[in-house]
Amino acid sequence: MQSDSKKFYGWWVVLGGFLLCFLGIGIAINALGVFFKPVVSSLGFGRGEFSFYFTIAALVMTFFAPVVGKLLERFDIRLVMGVSTTLMAGSFMLYSQCNTLTGFYLVSVLGGIGHAGSHIIPVSMAVNNWFEEKRGLAMGIVFSGTGLGGLLFNPLGNWLIISYGWRNAYLILGALMAITCVPVSIFIMRHSPQAYGQQPDGKEPSGQEEHTAVGLNLAESMKYGSFWLIVLMVFLLNTLNMGIQQHLIPYLTDLGHSSTFAANIMALYLGMTVVGKLFLGHTSDKKGLRVSFGWFMVLLTIGIATLYGSVFIWLAVLFGVIYGAANAVQTVIPPLMTARCVGLKHYGMIYGVVSIFATLGAGIGVPLSGYIYDWTGSYNLAFLIFLISSVIAALAGMRAMTLVDKRQSLKL
């Protein structure tokens, strides 16, 4: 490949990452909520005990995240992602055959391994390698796929369940992931531009050492308070995000809304994340992470508060718009902030460790909401916890960037 900007391969990497997020996260994470009530009603599970299957997947992802980061440093990204996407899609199809909680829990182990190497870690690593000046925009485009996936697959999943049953819905959506994600991983994704005779952003090379990856290793990064504040921020954002998202449809139907309306609000919320991610990515490049992060966290907190009035249709819609757009911080900001804090030399390994806390948060958030509902008969206490978590996450992120600026971190 030549370094001619017209042939710059980085935008193909963005396309590949977008598709992996669109299907891998859009179906297997962002559309799981439509399965809750049908599966629980069919098999007689409690909401808390059934939602624990996601926690198991998250715990497995937690264990394998740094392993994936290390594998990505040693092996071709296409090999790691090809195997991972196969496991991810295969496990989703296997859910269709489960009849017991044990079955769901065991399949979730396989799914957790697959998810660890299918999207967030390898995709964010590749985008950080391929882009510098347009890194925020590229990251925003890639992760807008998660929202678009939810926008499509929540109503589609609901329709499949109503028309063909939840078992066939799992099977059909899993097959769709398999025929798309595996080829994309193998034939489109690439680790970095240097191996293909290119430079980040498609620039002409002006020096042999100019784009050599630099940065802290894991041990060095863990000595800084900024790293642990980012970890806290990521943990809290994922806890509240999954705790709300996976119970949004059950919550809205509990309020008396139809399952179709609830699925459409979920689709609206996830669709608005597309707008939020594109805007956040662009403003991060133009205005900086601090300004963009601060405003989006204010909106996120307001969005959570609107849940308390979502018995009214207009407030449910308002939630979908405000919270959906603001929730972009959960996916776009962490990889950008991590790269700014520690550099790119060992980014895969370090972000794998950060992802441990992301998956832990996600794994805690889903059953936390479920068990609070089983205990109190309401989600109100859970939403209060998530409101407080949003404020703490905002403070942690702002403080992390202050510390990074004070020690004049690597300018990437």
Protein backbone atom coordinates (compact mmCIF):
# COMPACT_ATOMS: atom_id res chain seq x y z
CA MET A 1 0.00 0.00 0.00
CA GLN A 2 1.10 3.52 -0.73
CA SER A 3 0.73 6.37 1.71
CA ASP A 4 -1.47 8.30 -0.73
CA SER A 5 -4.33 9.64 1.40
CA LYS A 6 -6.83 8.44 -1.20
CA LYS A 7 -5.70 4.90 -0.47
CA PHE A 8 -5.36 5.31 3.27
CA TYR A 9 -6.45 2.01 4.77
CA GLY A 10 -7.35 3.43 8.18
CA TRP A 11 -10.92 4.18 7.15
CA TRP A 12 -11.37 0.51 6.21
CA VAL A 13 -10.27 -0.31 9.76
CA VAL A 14 -12.93 2.12 10.99
CA LEU A 15 -15.52 0.38 8.80
CA GLY A 16 -14.48 -3.03 10.11
CA GLY A 17 -14.58 -1.82 13.71
CA PHE A 18 -17.98 -0.25 13.11
CA LEU A 19 -19.42 -3.52 11.80
CA LEU A 20 -18.00 -5.51 14.72
CA CYS A 21 -19.55 -3.08 17.21
CA PHE A 22 -22.79 -2.89 15.20
CA LEU A 23 -23.35 -6.64 15.41
CA GLY A 24 -21.17 -7.89 18.27
CA ILE A 25 -22.23 -5.27 20.81
CA GLY A 26 -25.44 -4.17 19.10
CA ILE A 27 -26.89 -7.68 19.32
CA ALA A 28 -25.10 -9.60 22.04
CA ILE A 29 -25.05 -6.77 24.61
CA ASN A 30 -27.34 -3.90 23.62
CA ALA A 31 -30.30 -6.08 22.59
CA LEU A 32 -30.23 -8.55 25.48
CA GLY A 33 -32.98 -6.68 27.30
CA VAL A 34 -35.66 -7.91 24.89
CA PHE A 35 -34.98 -11.50 26.02
CA PHE A 36 -35.43 -10.90 29.76
CA LYS A 37 -39.17 -11.21 30.24
CA PRO A 38 -39.76 -13.88 27.56
CA VAL A 39 -37.06 -16.18 28.96
CA VAL A 40 -37.98 -15.57 32.60
CA SER A 41 -41.67 -16.17 31.88
CA SER A 42 -41.00 -19.25 29.81
CA LEU A 43 -38.56 -20.99 32.14
CA GLY A 44 -39.70 -19.62 35.51
CA PHE A 45 -36.48 -17.84 36.51
CA GLY A 46 -36.19 -14.80 38.79
CA ARG A 47 -34.92 -11.64 37.14
CA GLY A 48 -31.92 -11.43 39.43
CA GLU A 49 -30.82 -15.05 39.00
CA PHE A 50 -31.35 -14.97 35.23
CA SER A 51 -29.45 -11.69 34.79
CA PHE A 52 -26.51 -13.33 36.59
CA TYR A 53 -25.68 -15.10 33.32
CA PHE A 54 -24.48 -11.74 32.02
CA THR A 55 -22.38 -11.32 35.16
CA ILE A 56 -20.66 -14.63 34.46
CA ALA A 57 -19.90 -13.55 30.90
CA ALA A 58 -18.55 -10.25 32.27
CA LEU A 59 -16.34 -12.03 34.81
CA VAL A 60 -14.89 -14.26 32.10
CA MET A 61 -14.30 -11.18 29.94
CA THR A 62 -12.57 -9.65 32.95
CA PHE A 63 -10.16 -12.55 33.20
CA PHE A 64 -9.45 -12.72 29.48
CA ALA A 65 -9.17 -8.97 28.77
CA PRO A 66 -5.45 -8.67 29.68
CA VAL A 67 -4.82 -12.04 28.04
CA VAL A 68 -6.29 -10.67 24.82
CA GLY A 69 -4.16 -7.53 25.17
CA LYS A 70 -1.04 -9.68 25.44
CA LEU A 71 -2.09 -11.90 22.51
CA LEU A 72 -2.63 -8.82 20.35
CA GLU A 73 0.98 -7.79 21.02
CA ARG A 74 2.29 -11.21 19.96
CA PHE A 75 -0.03 -12.47 17.21
CA ASP A 76 -1.79 -11.15 14.13
CA ILE A 77 -4.92 -9.24 15.10
CA ARG A 78 -6.88 -11.17 12.45
CA LEU A 79 -6.11 -14.51 14.10
CA VAL A 80 -7.08 -13.32 17.59
CA MET A 81 -10.26 -11.65 16.39
CA GLY A 82 -11.22 -14.48 14.04
CA VAL A 83 -11.22 -17.03 16.85
CA SER A 84 -12.92 -14.61 19.24
CA THR A 85 -15.79 -13.68 16.93
CA THR A 86 -16.43 -17.34 16.20
CA LEU A 87 -16.80 -18.04 19.93
CA MET A 88 -18.97 -14.95 20.43
CA ALA A 89 -21.45 -15.82 17.69
CA GLY A 90 -21.49 -19.53 18.51
CA SER A 91 -22.28 -18.91 22.17
CA PHE A 92 -25.19 -16.62 21.31
CA MET A 93 -26.70 -19.34 19.15
CA LEU A 94 -26.22 -21.87 21.95
CA TYR A 95 -28.45 -19.82 24.25
CA SER A 96 -31.32 -21.06 22.11
CA GLN A 97 -30.75 -24.59 23.45
CA CYS A 98 -30.65 -23.69 27.16
CA ASN A 99 -33.39 -24.86 29.51
CA THR A 100 -31.78 -24.27 32.92
CA LEU A 101 -29.88 -21.50 34.65
CA THR A 102 -26.84 -23.76 34.65
CA GLY A 103 -27.04 -24.00 30.88
CA PHE A 104 -27.15 -20.23 30.48
CA TYR A 105 -24.28 -19.84 32.93
CA LEU A 106 -22.05 -22.36 31.13
CA VAL A 107 -22.68 -20.89 27.70
CA SER A 108 -21.89 -17.46 29.13
CA VAL A 109 -18.34 -18.65 29.88
CA LEU A 110 -17.82 -19.31 26.17
CA GLY A 111 -19.45 -16.01 25.28
CA GLY A 112 -17.25 -14.08 27.69
CA ILE A 113 -14.09 -15.47 26.09
CA GLY A 114 -15.38 -14.53 22.66
CA HIS A 115 -16.41 -11.00 23.58
CA ALA A 116 -13.03 -10.21 25.15
CA GLY A 117 -11.27 -10.37 21.79
CA SER A 118 -14.06 -9.41 19.38
CA HIS A 119 -14.59 -5.67 19.66
CA ILE A 120 -13.70 -3.08 22.31
CA ILE A 121 -10.06 -3.95 23.07
CA PRO A 122 -8.75 -4.86 19.58
CA VAL A 123 -10.86 -2.25 17.79
CA SER A 124 -9.87 0.64 20.07
CA MET A 125 -6.22 -0.44 19.83
CA ALA A 126 -6.35 -0.50 16.03
CA VAL A 127 -8.09 2.89 15.79
CA ASN A 128 -5.57 4.48 18.17
CA ASN A 129 -2.75 3.11 16.01
CA TRP A 130 -4.22 4.26 12.69
CA PHE A 131 -5.24 7.77 13.75
CA GLU A 132 -3.78 10.73 15.63
CA GLU A 133 -5.37 14.03 14.59
CA LYS A 134 -8.72 12.40 13.76
CA ARG A 135 -8.60 9.82 16.54
CA GLY A 136 -11.67 11.11 18.36
CA LEU A 137 -13.77 11.23 15.19
CA ALA A 138 -12.64 7.74 14.13
CA MET A 139 -13.39 6.35 17.60
CA GLY A 140 -16.79 8.03 17.58
CA ILE A 141 -17.66 6.52 14.20
CA VAL A 142 -16.57 3.04 15.28
CA PHE A 143 -18.52 3.03 18.53
CA SER A 144 -21.57 4.61 16.95
CA GLY A 145 -22.08 1.08 15.64
CA THR A 146 -23.12 -0.08 19.11
CA GLY A 147 -25.99 2.40 19.16
CA LEU A 148 -27.07 1.75 15.59
CA GLY A 149 -27.01 -1.95 16.34
CA GLY A 150 -29.27 -1.44 19.33
CA LEU A 151 -31.50 0.85 17.27
CA LEU A 152 -32.07 -1.94 14.77
CA PHE A 153 -31.82 -5.13 16.80
CA ASN A 154 -34.03 -4.23 19.76
CA PRO A 155 -37.21 -3.86 17.69
CA LEU A 156 -36.04 -6.62 15.35
CA GLY A 157 -35.28 -8.91 18.29
CA ASN A 158 -38.66 -8.12 19.85
CA TRP A 159 -40.38 -8.92 16.54
CA LEU A 160 -38.45 -12.18 16.17
CA ILE A 161 -39.42 -13.22 19.70
CA ILE A 162 -43.10 -12.42 19.12
CA SER A 163 -43.12 -14.11 15.69
CA TYR A 164 -40.83 -17.11 16.22
CA GLY A 165 -40.11 -17.42 19.95
CA TRP A 166 -37.07 -16.47 21.98
CA ARG A 167 -35.13 -19.63 21.08
CA ASN A 168 -35.28 -18.96 17.35
CA ALA A 169 -34.51 -15.29 17.97
CA TYR A 170 -31.25 -16.26 19.71
CA LEU A 171 -30.42 -18.61 16.83
CA ILE A 172 -31.15 -16.16 14.02
CA LEU A 173 -29.30 -13.23 15.57
CA GLY A 174 -26.32 -15.42 16.47
CA ALA A 175 -26.11 -16.69 12.90
CA LEU A 176 -26.17 -13.11 11.64
CA MET A 177 -23.20 -12.30 13.86
CA ALA A 178 -21.32 -15.35 12.59
CA ILE A 179 -21.70 -14.64 8.87
CA THR A 180 -20.66 -11.00 9.32
CA CYS A 181 -18.22 -10.63 12.22
CA VAL A 182 -15.90 -13.53 11.43
CA PRO A 183 -15.15 -12.45 7.81
CA VAL A 184 -14.75 -8.80 8.89
CA SER A 185 -12.22 -9.80 11.56
CA ILE A 186 -10.17 -11.87 9.14
CA PHE A 187 -10.33 -9.84 5.94
CA ILE A 188 -10.65 -6.20 7.04
CA MET A 189 -9.05 -5.57 10.43
CA ARG A 190 -5.36 -4.56 10.58
CA HIS A 191 -3.21 -3.78 13.62
CA SER A 192 -1.23 -0.68 12.59
CA PRO A 193 -0.34 1.40 9.50
CA GLN A 194 3.45 1.00 9.63
CA ALA A 195 3.33 -2.67 8.63
CA TYR A 196 1.49 -1.61 5.46
CA GLY A 197 3.77 1.24 4.47
CA GLN A 198 1.46 3.95 5.80
CA GLN A 199 1.37 6.49 8.60
CA PRO A 200 -1.40 7.54 11.01
CA ASP A 201 -4.08 9.70 9.36
CA GLY A 202 -2.59 8.86 5.96
CA LYS A 203 0.27 11.35 6.32
CA GLU A 204 3.44 11.18 4.30
CA PRO A 205 6.36 9.79 6.33
CA SER A 206 8.80 12.55 7.31
CA GLY A 207 11.14 10.70 9.63
CA GLN A 208 12.02 7.12 10.41
CA GLU A 209 11.35 7.48 14.14
CA GLU A 210 8.44 9.90 13.92
CA HIS A 211 5.66 7.43 14.50
CA THR A 212 7.39 4.88 16.69
CA ALA A 213 4.93 3.92 19.43
CA VAL A 214 5.92 5.27 22.82
CA GLY A 215 4.35 5.12 26.24
CA LEU A 216 4.30 3.61 29.70
CA ASN A 217 4.19 -0.07 30.46
CA LEU A 218 1.58 -1.53 32.78
CA ALA A 219 3.70 -1.36 35.93
CA GLU A 220 4.64 2.26 35.27
CA SER A 221 1.08 3.34 34.50
CA MET A 222 -0.22 1.79 37.72
CA LYS A 223 2.02 4.13 39.73
CA TYR A 224 -0.04 7.15 38.68
CA GLY A 225 -3.27 8.26 40.32
CA SER A 226 -4.65 9.22 36.90
CA PHE A 227 -4.68 5.55 35.87
CA TRP A 228 -6.72 4.48 38.91
CA LEU A 229 -9.14 7.38 38.51
CA ILE A 230 -9.77 6.28 34.93
CA VAL A 231 -10.34 2.75 36.22
CA LEU A 232 -12.88 4.07 38.77
CA MET A 233 -14.62 6.14 36.11
CA VAL A 234 -14.83 3.19 33.72
CA PHE A 235 -16.14 0.88 36.44
CA LEU A 236 -18.92 3.26 37.49
CA LEU A 237 -19.96 4.17 33.96
CA ASN A 238 -20.30 0.52 32.98
CA THR A 239 -22.14 -0.35 36.19
CA LEU A 240 -24.80 2.29 35.66
CA ASN A 241 -24.96 1.78 31.90
CA MET A 242 -25.66 -1.94 31.99
CA GLY A 243 -27.76 -1.69 35.14
CA ILE A 244 -30.10 0.68 33.32
CA GLN A 245 -29.89 -0.69 29.80
CA GLN A 246 -30.59 -4.35 30.44
CA HIS A 247 -33.57 -3.55 32.68
CA LEU A 248 -35.00 -0.65 30.69
CA ILE A 249 -37.53 -2.73 28.78
CA PRO A 250 -38.75 -4.62 31.89
CA TYR A 251 -38.95 -1.28 33.76
CA LEU A 252 -41.02 0.44 31.09
CA THR A 253 -43.38 -2.51 30.74
CA ASP A 254 -43.76 -2.59 34.53
CA LEU A 255 -44.96 1.01 34.27
CA GLY A 256 -47.72 -0.12 31.92
CA HIS A 257 -46.12 0.57 28.54
CA SER A 258 -46.33 -2.10 25.85
CA SER A 259 -43.32 -4.25 24.97
CA THR A 260 -43.30 -2.64 21.52
CA PHE A 261 -43.18 0.87 23.01
CA ALA A 262 -40.44 -0.19 25.43
CA ALA A 263 -38.38 -1.71 22.60
CA ASN A 264 -38.82 1.48 20.60
CA ILE A 265 -37.60 3.61 23.54
CA MET A 266 -34.59 1.32 23.80
CA ALA A 267 -34.04 1.77 20.06
CA LEU A 268 -34.37 5.56 20.42
CA TYR A 269 -31.88 5.62 23.28
CA LEU A 270 -29.37 3.51 21.39
CA GLY A 271 -29.96 5.47 18.20
CA MET A 272 -29.20 8.71 20.02
CA THR A 273 -25.90 7.24 21.17
CA VAL A 274 -24.90 7.37 17.50
CA VAL A 275 -25.44 11.13 17.44
CA GLY A 276 -23.70 11.48 20.78
CA LYS A 277 -20.67 9.43 19.79
CA LEU A 278 -20.10 11.26 16.53
CA PHE A 279 -20.48 14.64 18.23
CA LEU A 280 -18.35 13.66 21.22
CA GLY A 281 -15.62 12.27 19.00
CA HIS A 282 -15.55 15.44 16.90
CA THR A 283 -15.60 17.83 19.87
CA SER A 284 -12.89 15.81 21.62
CA ASP A 285 -10.62 16.49 18.65
CA LYS A 286 -11.58 20.19 18.45
CA LYS A 287 -12.29 21.27 22.05
CA GLY A 288 -10.39 18.66 24.04
CA LEU A 289 -11.41 15.74 26.24
CA ARG A 290 -12.00 17.79 29.38
CA VAL A 291 -14.68 20.09 27.97
CA SER A 292 -16.46 17.36 26.04
CA PHE A 293 -16.41 14.91 28.94
CA GLY A 294 -17.71 17.47 31.44
CA TRP A 295 -20.75 18.51 29.41
CA PHE A 296 -21.69 14.97 28.48
CA MET A 297 -21.54 13.83 32.10
CA VAL A 298 -23.94 16.61 33.10
CA LEU A 299 -26.38 15.41 30.44
CA LEU A 300 -25.93 11.77 31.50
CA THR A 301 -26.92 12.58 35.08
CA ILE A 302 -29.98 14.54 33.95
CA GLY A 303 -30.96 11.64 31.69
CA ILE A 304 -30.88 9.13 34.55
CA ALA A 305 -33.10 11.42 36.64
CA THR A 306 -35.82 11.41 33.94
CA LEU A 307 -36.33 7.67 34.51
CA TYR A 308 -38.34 8.46 37.63
CA GLY A 309 -41.04 10.11 35.52
CA SER A 310 -41.05 7.69 32.62
CA VAL A 311 -44.60 6.56 33.36
CA PHE A 312 -45.37 9.58 31.18
CA ILE A 313 -44.69 8.93 27.51
CA TRP A 314 -43.02 12.27 26.91
CA LEU A 315 -40.53 11.72 29.76
CA ALA A 316 -39.74 8.23 28.50
CA VAL A 317 -38.99 9.75 25.10
CA LEU A 318 -36.94 12.52 26.74
CA PHE A 319 -34.93 9.89 28.57
CA GLY A 320 -34.18 8.14 25.29
CA VAL A 321 -32.95 11.37 23.70
CA ILE A 322 -30.89 12.86 26.56
CA TYR A 323 -29.48 9.72 28.15
CA GLY A 324 -28.86 8.12 24.76
CA ALA A 325 -26.77 11.01 23.45
CA ALA A 326 -24.87 11.48 26.72
CA ASN A 327 -24.12 7.78 27.12
CA ALA A 328 -21.48 8.20 24.42
CA VAL A 329 -19.01 8.92 27.25
CA GLN A 330 -19.13 5.27 28.28
CA THR A 331 -17.53 4.03 25.05
CA VAL A 332 -15.74 6.96 23.36
CA ILE A 333 -13.96 8.59 26.31
CA PRO A 334 -12.21 5.62 28.06
CA PRO A 335 -9.98 4.53 25.13
CA LEU A 336 -9.09 8.15 24.30
CA MET A 337 -8.36 9.02 27.93
CA THR A 338 -6.30 5.85 28.40
CA ALA A 339 -4.20 6.57 25.31
CA ARG A 340 -3.61 10.11 26.52
CA CYS A 341 -2.58 8.85 29.95
CA VAL A 342 -0.28 5.93 29.09
CA GLY A 343 0.63 6.20 25.38
CA LEU A 344 0.39 3.52 22.70
CA LYS A 345 3.44 1.32 23.13
CA HIS A 346 1.69 -1.11 25.48
CA TYR A 347 -1.84 0.16 24.94
CA GLY A 348 -3.35 -3.28 24.22
CA MET A 349 -2.16 -4.77 27.47
CA ILE A 350 -3.00 -1.70 29.57
CA TYR A 351 -6.44 -1.18 28.08
CA GLY A 352 -7.06 -4.87 28.64
CA VAL A 353 -6.53 -4.22 32.35
CA VAL A 354 -8.80 -1.15 32.22
CA SER A 355 -11.39 -3.34 30.52
CA ILE A 356 -11.31 -5.68 33.50
CA PHE A 357 -13.01 -2.98 35.51
CA ALA A 358 -15.37 -2.14 32.66
CA THR A 359 -16.62 -5.72 32.51
CA LEU A 360 -16.73 -5.97 36.31
CA GLY A 361 -18.93 -2.89 36.37
CA ALA A 362 -21.17 -4.27 33.65
CA GLY A 363 -21.35 -7.61 35.41
CA ILE A 364 -22.34 -5.99 38.70
CA GLY A 365 -24.81 -3.49 37.24
CA VAL A 366 -27.13 -6.01 35.57
CA PRO A 367 -27.81 -8.29 38.58
CA LEU A 368 -27.70 -5.31 40.97
CA SER A 369 -30.78 -3.87 39.28
CA GLY A 370 -32.38 -7.31 39.12
CA TYR A 371 -31.85 -8.15 42.79
CA ILE A 372 -32.95 -4.69 43.95
CA TYR A 373 -36.15 -5.20 41.96
CA ASP A 374 -36.67 -8.68 43.45
CA TRP A 375 -36.05 -7.25 46.94
CA THR A 376 -38.06 -4.01 46.77
CA GLY A 377 -40.45 -4.59 43.86
CA SER A 378 -39.09 -1.44 42.21
CA TYR A 379 -36.05 -0.11 40.35
CA ASN A 380 -36.09 3.25 42.18
CA LEU A 381 -33.25 2.44 44.58
CA ALA A 382 -31.11 1.14 41.72
CA PHE A 383 -31.62 4.37 39.76
CA LEU A 384 -30.61 6.42 42.81
CA ILE A 385 -27.39 4.43 43.09
CA PHE A 386 -26.73 5.06 39.41
CA LEU A 387 -27.35 8.80 39.80
CA ILE A 388 -24.72 8.97 42.55
CA SER A 389 -22.36 6.81 40.47
CA SER A 390 -22.66 9.24 37.56
CA VAL A 391 -21.58 12.18 39.71
CA ILE A 392 -18.62 10.26 41.15
CA ALA A 393 -17.55 9.09 37.68
CA ALA A 394 -17.61 12.70 36.44
CA LEU A 395 -15.41 13.87 39.29
CA ALA A 396 -12.99 10.96 38.82
CA GLY A 397 -12.61 11.59 35.07
CA MET A 398 -12.05 15.32 35.49
CA ARG A 399 -9.46 14.75 38.21
CA ALA A 400 -7.67 12.13 36.08
CA MET A 401 -7.22 14.60 33.23
CA THR A 402 -5.98 17.25 35.66
CA LEU A 403 -3.30 14.88 36.94
CA VAL A 404 -2.31 13.91 33.39
CA ASP A 405 -1.92 17.56 32.44
CA LYS A 406 0.14 18.28 35.54
CA ARG A 407 2.71 15.65 34.74
CA GLN A 408 2.66 16.67 31.07
CA SER A 409 1.74 13.27 29.73
CA LEU A 410 2.72 12.09 26.27
CA LYS A 411 1.20 14.20 23.52
CA LEU A 412 -0.29 11.59 21.22
